[in-house]
PDB file of N, CA and C in Angstrom:
ATOM      1  N   UNK A   1       4.174 -10.541   9.569  1.00  0.00           N
ATOM      2  CA  UNK A   1       4.554 -10.732   8.939  1.00  0.00           C
ATOM      3  C   UNK A   1       6.207 -10.184   8.970  1.00  0.00           C
ATOM      4  N   UNK A   2       6.657  -9.863   7.856  1.00  0.00           N
ATOM      5  CA  UNK A   2       8.190  -9.351   6.668  1.00  0.00           C
ATOM      6  C   UNK A   2       8.691  -8.853   5.906  1.00  0.00           C
ATOM      7  N   UNK A   3       9.014  -7.763   5.509  1.00  0.00           N
ATOM      8  CA  UNK A   3       9.280  -7.490   4.875  1.00  0.00           C
ATOM      9  C   UNK A   3      11.498  -7.531   4.401  1.00  0.00           C
ATOM     10  N   UNK A   4      11.536  -7.765   2.877  1.00  0.00           N
ATOM     11  CA  UNK A   4      12.244  -8.917   1.773  1.00  0.00           C
ATOM     12  C   UNK A   4      12.453  -7.248   1.063  1.00  0.00           C
ATOM     13  N   UNK A   5      13.714  -6.889   1.387  1.00  0.00           N
ATOM     14  CA  UNK A   5      14.082  -6.025  -0.666  1.00  0.00           C
ATOM     15  C   UNK A   5      14.303  -7.267  -1.003  1.00  0.00           C
ATOM     16  N   UNK A   6      14.033  -7.193  -2.739  1.00  0.00           N
ATOM     17  CA  UNK A   6      14.000  -8.135  -3.376  1.00  0.00           C
ATOM     18  C   UNK A   6      15.044  -7.108  -4.587  1.00  0.00           C
ATOM     19  N   UNK A   7      15.137  -6.683  -5.349  1.00  0.00           N
ATOM     20  CA  UNK A   7      16.483  -5.500  -5.744  1.00  0.00           C
ATOM     21  C   UNK A   7      15.067  -4.826  -6.798  1.00  0.00           C
ATOM     22  N   UNK A   8      15.509  -4.252  -7.649  1.00  0.00           N
ATOM     23  CA  UNK A   8      15.467  -2.998  -8.603  1.00  0.00           C
ATOM     24  C   UNK A   8      15.398  -3.521  -9.858  1.00  0.00           C
ATOM     25  N   UNK A   9      15.406  -3.498 -10.544  1.00  0.00           N
ATOM     26  CA  UNK A   9      15.194  -3.411 -12.195  1.00  0.00           C
ATOM     27  C   UNK A   9      14.684  -2.123 -13.332  1.00  0.00           C
ATOM     28  N   UNK A  10      15.077  -1.663 -14.037  1.00  0.00           N
ATOM     29  CA  UNK A  10      14.621  -0.368 -15.023  1.00  0.00           C
ATOM     30  C   UNK A  10      13.691  -1.119 -16.221  1.00  0.00           C
ATOM     31  N   UNK A  11      13.508  -0.433 -16.696  1.00  0.00           N
ATOM     32  CA  UNK A  11      12.650  -0.640 -17.891  1.00  0.00           C
ATOM     33  C   UNK A  11      12.043   0.253 -18.743  1.00  0.00           C
ATOM     34  N   UNK A  12      11.890  -0.233 -19.654  1.00  0.00           N
ATOM     35  CA  UNK A  12      11.762   0.696 -20.610  1.00  0.00           C
ATOM     36  C   UNK A  12      10.610   1.363 -20.900  1.00  0.00           C
ATOM     37  N   UNK A  13      10.453   2.237 -21.555  1.00  0.00           N
ATOM     38  CA  UNK A  13       9.031   2.881 -21.483  1.00  0.00           C
ATOM     39  C   UNK A  13       8.292   1.880 -22.470  1.00  0.00           C
ATOM     40  N   UNK A  14       6.763   2.545 -22.116  1.00  0.00           N
ATOM     41  CA  UNK A  14       5.455   0.889 -23.092  1.00  0.00           C
ATOM     42  C   UNK A  14       7.030   0.214 -22.763  1.00  0.00           C
ATOM     43  N   UNK A  15       7.777  -1.069 -21.925  1.00  0.00           N
ATOM     44  CA  UNK A  15       7.894  -1.602 -22.157  1.00  0.00           C
ATOM     45  C   UNK A  15       7.843  -2.665 -20.455  1.00  0.00           C
ATOM     46  N   UNK A  16       7.922  -4.118 -20.854  1.00  0.00           N
ATOM     47  CA  UNK A  16       7.392  -5.455 -19.732  1.00  0.00           C
ATOM     48  C   UNK A  16       8.752  -6.042 -19.479  1.00  0.00           C
ATOM     49  N   UNK A  17       8.796  -6.140 -18.569  1.00  0.00           N
ATOM     50  CA  UNK A  17       9.429  -7.268 -17.423  1.00  0.00           C
ATOM     51  C   UNK A  17       8.512  -8.121 -16.603  1.00  0.00           C
ATOM     52  N   UNK A  18       9.877  -9.367 -16.685  1.00  0.00           N
ATOM     53  CA  UNK A  18       9.287 -10.194 -16.671  1.00  0.00           C
ATOM     54  C   UNK A  18      10.116 -10.930 -15.211  1.00  0.00           C
ATOM     55  N   UNK A  19       9.749 -11.267 -13.811  1.00  0.00           N
ATOM     56  CA  UNK A  19      11.039 -11.611 -13.645  1.00  0.00           C
ATOM     57  C   UNK A  19      10.983 -13.307 -12.230  1.00  0.00           C
ATOM     58  N   UNK A  20      11.562 -14.047 -12.213  1.00  0.00           N
ATOM     59  CA  UNK A  20      10.711 -14.511 -11.013  1.00  0.00           C
ATOM     60  C   UNK A  20      11.593 -14.760 -10.039  1.00  0.00           C
ATOM     61  N   UNK A  21      11.479 -14.923  -8.659  1.00  0.00           N
ATOM     62  CA  UNK A  21      12.105 -14.865  -8.154  1.00  0.00           C
ATOM     63  C   UNK A  21      11.284 -16.042  -6.665  1.00  0.00           C
ATOM     64  N   UNK A  22      12.595 -16.761  -6.491  1.00  0.00           N
ATOM     65  CA  UNK A  22      12.412 -18.796  -6.217  1.00  0.00           C
ATOM     66  C   UNK A  22      14.198 -18.212  -4.683  1.00  0.00           C
ATOM     67  N   UNK A  23      13.084 -19.007  -4.241  1.00  0.00           N
ATOM     68  CA  UNK A  23      14.002 -19.834  -2.847  1.00  0.00           C
ATOM     69  C   UNK A  23      13.413 -19.224  -1.166  1.00  0.00           C
ATOM     70  N   UNK A  24      11.888 -19.522  -1.612  1.00  0.00           N
ATOM     71  CA  UNK A  24      10.981 -19.709  -0.134  1.00  0.00           C
ATOM     72  C   UNK A  24      10.768 -20.268   0.031  1.00  0.00           C
ATOM     73  N   UNK A  25      10.554 -20.052   1.570  1.00  0.00           N
ATOM     74  CA  UNK A  25      10.247 -22.517   2.314  1.00  0.00           C
ATOM     75  C   UNK A  25       8.930 -22.760   1.449  1.00  0.00           C
ATOM     76  N   UNK A  26       8.802 -23.627   1.633  1.00  0.00           N
ATOM     77  CA  UNK A  26       6.937 -24.282   1.484  1.00  0.00           C
ATOM     78  C   UNK A  26       6.211 -23.041   2.296  1.00  0.00           C
ATOM     79  N   UNK A  27       5.944 -22.577   3.736  1.00  0.00           N
ATOM     80  CA  UNK A  27       5.296 -22.467   4.423  1.00  0.00           C
ATOM     81  C   UNK A  27       5.002 -21.486   4.195  1.00  0.00           C
ATOM     82  N   UNK A  28       5.818 -20.678   3.471  1.00  0.00           N
ATOM     83  CA  UNK A  28       5.864 -18.973   3.343  1.00  0.00           C
ATOM     84  C   UNK A  28       4.806 -17.800   2.363  1.00  0.00           C
ATOM     85  N   UNK A  29       4.449 -17.495   3.197  1.00  0.00           N
ATOM     86  CA  UNK A  29       2.909 -16.814   1.478  1.00  0.00           C
ATOM     87  C   UNK A  29       3.830 -15.074   1.314  1.00  0.00           C
ATOM     88  N   UNK A  30       3.917 -15.033   0.489  1.00  0.00           N
ATOM     89  CA  UNK A  30       4.146 -13.872  -0.985  1.00  0.00           C
ATOM     90  C   UNK A  30       3.746 -13.256  -1.619  1.00  0.00           C
ATOM     91  N   UNK A  31       3.550 -11.738  -1.480  1.00  0.00           N
ATOM     92  CA  UNK A  31       2.792 -10.605  -1.643  1.00  0.00           C
ATOM     93  C   UNK A  31       3.772  -9.252  -2.413  1.00  0.00           C
ATOM     94  N   UNK A  32       3.868  -9.366  -3.635  1.00  0.00           N
ATOM     95  CA  UNK A  32       4.739  -8.658  -3.752  1.00  0.00           C
ATOM     96  C   UNK A  32       4.594  -6.760  -3.997  1.00  0.00           C
ATOM     97  N   UNK A  33       5.228  -5.816  -3.591  1.00  0.00           N
ATOM     98  CA  UNK A  33       4.656  -4.483  -4.493  1.00  0.00           C
ATOM     99  C   UNK A  33       5.817  -3.816  -4.870  1.00  0.00           C
ATOM    100  N   UNK A  34       6.159  -2.856  -5.064  1.00  0.00           N
ATOM    101  CA  UNK A  34       7.221  -1.577  -6.169  1.00  0.00           C
ATOM    102  C   UNK A  34       6.553  -0.338  -5.753  1.00  0.00           C
ATOM    103  N   UNK A  35       8.156  -0.365  -5.052  1.00  0.00           N
ATOM    104  CA  UNK A  35       8.136   1.756  -5.631  1.00  0.00           C
ATOM    105  C   UNK A  35       8.821   2.414  -6.962  1.00  0.00           C
ATOM    106  N   UNK A  36       8.015   3.166  -7.537  1.00  0.00           N
ATOM    107  CA  UNK A  36       8.694   3.872  -8.606  1.00  0.00           C
ATOM    108  C   UNK A  36       8.583   4.761  -9.473  1.00  0.00           C
ATOM    109  N   UNK A  37       9.566   4.910 -10.051  1.00  0.00           N
ATOM    110  CA  UNK A  37      11.134   5.950 -10.230  1.00  0.00           C
ATOM    111  C   UNK A  37      11.034   6.468 -11.239  1.00  0.00           C
ATOM    112  N   UNK A  38      10.961   7.821 -11.848  1.00  0.00           N
ATOM    113  CA  UNK A  38      10.745   7.862 -13.641  1.00  0.00           C
ATOM    114  C   UNK A  38      12.380   8.116 -13.688  1.00  0.00           C
ATOM    115  N   UNK A  39      12.341   7.141 -14.985  1.00  0.00           N
ATOM    116  CA  UNK A  39      13.842   6.905 -15.855  1.00  0.00           C
ATOM    117  C   UNK A  39      13.956   8.752 -16.065  1.00  0.00           C
ATOM    118  N   UNK A  40      14.194   8.264 -16.894  1.00  0.00           N
ATOM    119  CA  UNK A  40      15.512   9.311 -17.751  1.00  0.00           C
ATOM    120  C   UNK A  40      14.765   9.278 -18.936  1.00  0.00           C
ATOM    121  N   UNK A  41      15.138  10.032 -20.371  1.00  0.00           N
ATOM    122  CA  UNK A  41      13.901  10.346 -21.601  1.00  0.00           C
ATOM    123  C   UNK A  41      13.788  11.757 -22.568  1.00  0.00           C
ATOM    124  N   UNK A  42      12.851  12.131 -22.229  1.00  0.00           N
ATOM    125  CA  UNK A  42      12.431  13.080 -22.159  1.00  0.00           C
ATOM    126  C   UNK A  42      12.453  14.071 -20.755  1.00  0.00           C
ATOM    127  N   UNK A  43      12.377  15.452 -20.971  1.00  0.00           N
ATOM    128  CA  UNK A  43      11.876  16.199 -20.049  1.00  0.00           C
ATOM    129  C   UNK A  43      10.626  16.773 -18.984  1.00  0.00           C
ATOM    130  N   UNK A  44      11.251  16.025 -18.240  1.00  0.00           N
ATOM    131  CA  UNK A  44       9.703  16.329 -16.821  1.00  0.00           C
ATOM    132  C   UNK A  44       9.210  15.264 -17.020  1.00  0.00           C
ATOM    133  N   UNK A  45      10.056  13.723 -16.544  1.00  0.00           N
ATOM    134  CA  UNK A  45      10.086  11.893 -16.550  1.00  0.00           C
ATOM    135  C   UNK A  45       8.094  11.734 -16.208  1.00  0.00           C
ATOM    136  N   UNK A  46       7.710  10.767 -15.715  1.00  0.00           N
ATOM    137  CA  UNK A  46       6.530  10.167 -15.708  1.00  0.00           C
ATOM    138  C   UNK A  46       6.761   9.014 -14.450  1.00  0.00           C
ATOM    139  N   UNK A  47       6.838   8.418 -13.916  1.00  0.00           N
ATOM    140  CA  UNK A  47       7.083   7.126 -12.593  1.00  0.00           C
ATOM    141  C   UNK A  47       5.267   6.998 -12.417  1.00  0.00           C
ATOM    142  N   UNK A  48       5.151   6.090 -14.188  1.00  0.00           N
ATOM    143  CA  UNK A  48       4.246   5.187 -13.571  1.00  0.00           C
ATOM    144  C   UNK A  48       4.430   3.381 -14.532  1.00  0.00           C
ATOM    145  N   UNK A  49       4.174   2.594 -13.658  1.00  0.00           N
ATOM    146  CA  UNK A  49       4.021   1.107 -13.394  1.00  0.00           C
ATOM    147  C   UNK A  49       3.345   0.881 -12.897  1.00  0.00           C
ATOM    148  N   UNK A  50       2.557  -1.122 -12.744  1.00  0.00           N
ATOM    149  CA  UNK A  50       1.927  -1.777 -12.726  1.00  0.00           C
ATOM    150  C   UNK A  50       2.676  -2.819 -12.848  1.00  0.00           C
ATOM    151  N   UNK A  51       2.177  -3.239 -11.382  1.00  0.00           N
ATOM    152  CA  UNK A  51       2.844  -4.796 -10.859  1.00  0.00           C
ATOM    153  C   UNK A  51       1.915  -5.594 -10.949  1.00  0.00           C
ATOM    154  N   UNK A  52       1.803  -6.979 -11.632  1.00  0.00           N
ATOM    155  CA  UNK A  52       1.137  -8.603 -11.406  1.00  0.00           C
ATOM    156  C   UNK A  52       1.248  -9.403 -11.256  1.00  0.00           C
ATOM    157  N   UNK A  53       0.768 -10.227 -10.222  1.00  0.00           N
ATOM    158  CA  UNK A  53       1.154 -11.135  -9.374  1.00  0.00           C
ATOM    159  C   UNK A  53       0.772 -12.268 -10.855  1.00  0.00           C
ATOM    160  N   UNK A  54       2.386 -13.393 -10.642  1.00  0.00           N
ATOM    161  CA  UNK A  54       1.454 -14.369 -11.365  1.00  0.00           C
ATOM    162  C   UNK A  54       1.463 -15.492 -10.516  1.00  0.00           C
ATOM    163  N   UNK A  55       2.532 -16.580 -11.277  1.00  0.00           N
ATOM    164  CA  UNK A  55       2.670 -17.897 -11.190  1.00  0.00           C
ATOM    165  C   UNK A  55       2.793 -18.481  -9.528  1.00  0.00           C
ATOM    166  N   UNK A  56       2.535 -19.367  -9.041  1.00  0.00           N
ATOM    167  CA  UNK A  56       2.650 -20.295  -7.913  1.00  0.00           C
ATOM    168  C   UNK A  56       3.494 -21.107  -8.240  1.00  0.00           C
ATOM    169  N   UNK A  57       5.169 -21.879  -8.200  1.00  0.00           N
ATOM    170  CA  UNK A  57       5.808 -23.283  -8.006  1.00  0.00           C
ATOM    171  C   UNK A  57       5.765 -23.414  -7.131  1.00  0.00           C
ATOM    172  N   UNK A  58       5.536 -24.754  -7.253  1.00  0.00           N
ATOM    173  CA  UNK A  58       6.547 -25.624  -5.786  1.00  0.00           C
ATOM    174  C   UNK A  58       7.681 -26.587  -6.266  1.00  0.00           C
ATOM    175  N   UNK A  59       8.829 -26.794  -5.843  1.00  0.00           N
ATOM    176  CA  UNK A  59       9.140 -27.421  -6.153  1.00  0.00           C
ATOM    177  C   UNK A  59       9.637 -28.612  -5.926  1.00  0.00           C
ATOM    178  N   UNK A  60      10.769 -29.849  -5.990  1.00  0.00           N
ATOM    179  CA  UNK A  60      11.407 -30.872  -6.147  1.00  0.00           C
ATOM    180  C   UNK A  60      11.528 -30.455  -4.607  1.00  0.00           C
ATOM    181  N   UNK A  61      11.952 -30.385  -4.358  1.00  0.00           N
ATOM    182  CA  UNK A  61      13.420 -29.882  -2.984  1.00  0.00           C
ATOM    183  C   UNK A  61      11.822 -29.301  -1.427  1.00  0.00           C
ATOM    184  N   UNK A  62      10.556 -28.424  -1.761  1.00  0.00           N
ATOM    185  CA  UNK A  62       9.957 -28.125  -0.906  1.00  0.00           C
ATOM    186  C   UNK A  62       9.798 -25.857  -0.889  1.00  0.00           C
ATOM    187  N   UNK A  63      10.666 -26.102  -1.614  1.00  0.00           N
ATOM    188  CA  UNK A  63      10.525 -24.319  -1.999  1.00  0.00           C
ATOM    189  C   UNK A  63      10.371 -23.591  -2.741  1.00  0.00           C
ATOM    190  N   UNK A  64       9.669 -22.957  -2.779  1.00  0.00           N
ATOM    191  CA  UNK A  64       8.559 -21.728  -3.627  1.00  0.00           C
ATOM    192  C   UNK A  64       8.417 -21.055  -4.526  1.00  0.00           C
ATOM    193  N   UNK A  65       8.813 -20.444  -5.595  1.00  0.00           N
ATOM    194  CA  UNK A  65       8.956 -19.301  -6.383  1.00  0.00           C
ATOM    195  C   UNK A  65       7.411 -19.284  -7.181  1.00  0.00           C
ATOM    196  N   UNK A  66       7.936 -17.783  -7.201  1.00  0.00           N
ATOM    197  CA  UNK A  66       6.604 -16.883  -7.825  1.00  0.00           C
ATOM    198  C   UNK A  66       7.243 -16.000  -9.536  1.00  0.00           C
ATOM    199  N   UNK A  67       6.409 -15.861 -10.365  1.00  0.00           N
ATOM    200  CA  UNK A  67       6.304 -15.031 -11.318  1.00  0.00           C
ATOM    201  C   UNK A  67       5.621 -14.279 -10.962  1.00  0.00           C
ATOM    202  N   UNK A  68       6.093 -13.271 -12.024  1.00  0.00           N
ATOM    203  CA  UNK A  68       5.194 -11.445 -11.327  1.00  0.00           C
ATOM    204  C   UNK A  68       5.905 -10.819 -12.193  1.00  0.00           C
ATOM    205  N   UNK A  69       4.705  -9.175 -13.302  1.00  0.00           N
ATOM    206  CA  UNK A  69       5.790  -9.513 -14.610  1.00  0.00           C
ATOM    207  C   UNK A  69       5.034  -7.335 -14.031  1.00  0.00           C
ATOM    208  N   UNK A  70       5.691  -6.746 -14.338  1.00  0.00           N
ATOM    209  CA  UNK A  70       5.521  -5.451 -14.463  1.00  0.00           C
ATOM    210  C   UNK A  70       6.080  -4.746 -14.908  1.00  0.00           C
ATOM    211  N   UNK A  71       5.279  -3.642 -15.623  1.00  0.00           N
ATOM    212  CA  UNK A  71       4.692  -2.713 -16.609  1.00  0.00           C
ATOM    213  C   UNK A  71       5.413  -1.685 -16.639  1.00  0.00           C
ATOM    214  N   UNK A  72       5.150  -0.614 -17.295  1.00  0.00           N
ATOM    215  CA  UNK A  72       5.780  -0.158 -17.588  1.00  0.00           C
ATOM    216  C   UNK A  72       4.885   0.920 -18.546  1.00  0.00           C
ATOM    217  N   UNK A  73       4.291   2.270 -18.029  1.00  0.00           N
ATOM    218  CA  UNK A  73       2.980   2.293 -19.103  1.00  0.00           C
ATOM    219  C   UNK A  73       3.452   4.099 -18.787  1.00  0.00           C
ATOM    220  N   UNK A  74       4.725   4.127 -18.581  1.00  0.00           N
ATOM    221  CA  UNK A  74       5.180   6.073 -19.540  1.00  0.00           C
ATOM    222  C   UNK A  74       5.859   5.843 -20.876  1.00  0.00           C
ATOM    223  N   UNK A  75       4.170   6.069 -21.124  1.00  0.00           N
ATOM    224  CA  UNK A  75       5.291   5.962 -22.698  1.00  0.00           C
ATOM    225  C   UNK A  75       6.309   5.917 -23.674  1.00  0.00           C
ATOM    226  N   UNK A  76       6.834   7.535 -22.494  1.00  0.00           N
ATOM    227  CA  UNK A  76       8.435   7.962 -23.829  1.00  0.00           C
ATOM    228  C   UNK A  76       9.490   8.193 -22.326  1.00  0.00           C
ATOM    229  N   UNK A  77       9.606   7.754 -21.597  1.00  0.00           N
ATOM    230  CA  UNK A  77      10.781   7.359 -19.806  1.00  0.00           C
ATOM    231  C   UNK A  77      10.918   6.223 -19.894  1.00  0.00           C
ATOM    232  N   UNK A  78      11.841   5.362 -19.551  1.00  0.00           N
ATOM    233  CA  UNK A  78      11.854   4.085 -19.080  1.00  0.00           C
ATOM    234  C   UNK A  78      11.490   4.544 -17.452  1.00  0.00           C
ATOM    235  N   UNK A  79      11.277   3.948 -15.962  1.00  0.00           N
ATOM    236  CA  UNK A  79      11.136   3.542 -15.130  1.00  0.00           C
ATOM    237  C   UNK A  79      12.307   2.679 -14.903  1.00  0.00           C
ATOM    238  N   UNK A  80      11.968   3.354 -12.787  1.00  0.00           N
ATOM    239  CA  UNK A  80      13.504   2.524 -12.224  1.00  0.00           C
ATOM    240  C   UNK A  80      12.049   1.801 -11.298  1.00  0.00           C
ATOM    241  N   UNK A  81      12.569   0.704 -11.050  1.00  0.00           N
ATOM    242  CA  UNK A  81      10.627  -0.339 -10.099  1.00  0.00           C
ATOM    243  C   UNK A  81      11.973  -0.865  -9.322  1.00  0.00           C
ATOM    244  N   UNK A  82      11.394   0.007  -7.943  1.00  0.00           N
ATOM    245  CA  UNK A  82      12.088  -1.046  -6.709  1.00  0.00           C
ATOM    246  C   UNK A  82      11.150  -1.703  -6.122  1.00  0.00           C
ATOM    247  N   UNK A  83      11.086  -3.283  -5.607  1.00  0.00           N
ATOM    248  CA  UNK A  83      10.881  -3.812  -5.144  1.00  0.00           C
ATOM    249  C   UNK A  83      10.590  -4.786  -4.248  1.00  0.00           C
ATOM    250  N   UNK A  84      10.240  -4.984  -3.529  1.00  0.00           N
ATOM    251  CA  UNK A  84       9.516  -5.294  -2.100  1.00  0.00           C
ATOM    252  C   UNK A  84       8.372  -6.332  -2.490  1.00  0.00           C
ATOM    253  N   UNK A  85       8.744  -7.249  -0.632  1.00  0.00           N
ATOM    254  CA  UNK A  85       7.755  -8.512  -0.655  1.00  0.00           C
ATOM    255  C   UNK A  85       7.343  -8.878   0.688  1.00  0.00           C
ATOM    256  N   UNK A  86       6.437  -8.932   0.724  1.00  0.00           N
ATOM    257  CA  UNK A  86       6.448  -9.107   2.233  1.00  0.00           C
ATOM    258  C   UNK A  86       5.622 -10.661   1.974  1.00  0.00           C
ATOM    259  N   UNK A  87       5.929 -11.074   3.411  1.00  0.00           N
ATOM    260  CA  UNK A  87       6.334 -12.683   4.151  1.00  0.00           C
ATOM    261  C   UNK A  87       5.619 -12.902   5.119  1.00  0.00           C
ATOM    262  N   UNK A  88       4.754 -13.625   4.988  1.00  0.00           N
ATOM    263  CA  UNK A  88       4.190 -13.667   5.758  1.00  0.00           C
ATOM    264  C   UNK A  88       4.327 -15.713   5.629  1.00  0.00           C
ATOM    265  N   UNK A  89       3.973 -15.836   7.223  1.00  0.00           N
ATOM    266  CA  UNK A  89       3.891 -18.222   7.233  1.00  0.00           C
ATOM    267  C   UNK A  89       2.601 -18.551   8.317  1.00  0.00           C
ATOM    268  N   UNK A  90       2.628 -19.301   8.007  1.00  0.00           N
ATOM    269  CA  UNK A  90       1.268 -20.144   8.389  1.00  0.00           C
ATOM    270  C   UNK A  90       2.203 -20.896   9.800  1.00  0.00           C
TER     271      UNK A  90
END
């Protein structure tokens, strides 16, 4: 299994973010994980987020895409979320 750096996003306090990640081969399995950093907005900000992996799509050209959701659980400050993907092949 390899790990791929997908990117990062800033999520506002008490908000959600939806990500559509595509371009995977048809024989690859992808599992996402996040690294959370507290954002700004209050003294002593909290880094607290939830990742939910959602739908899987197969395009007509044979490639796959995945949709996942990130929820910032911090009520008063933003958070920066770095997304990683573990990729395995059949």
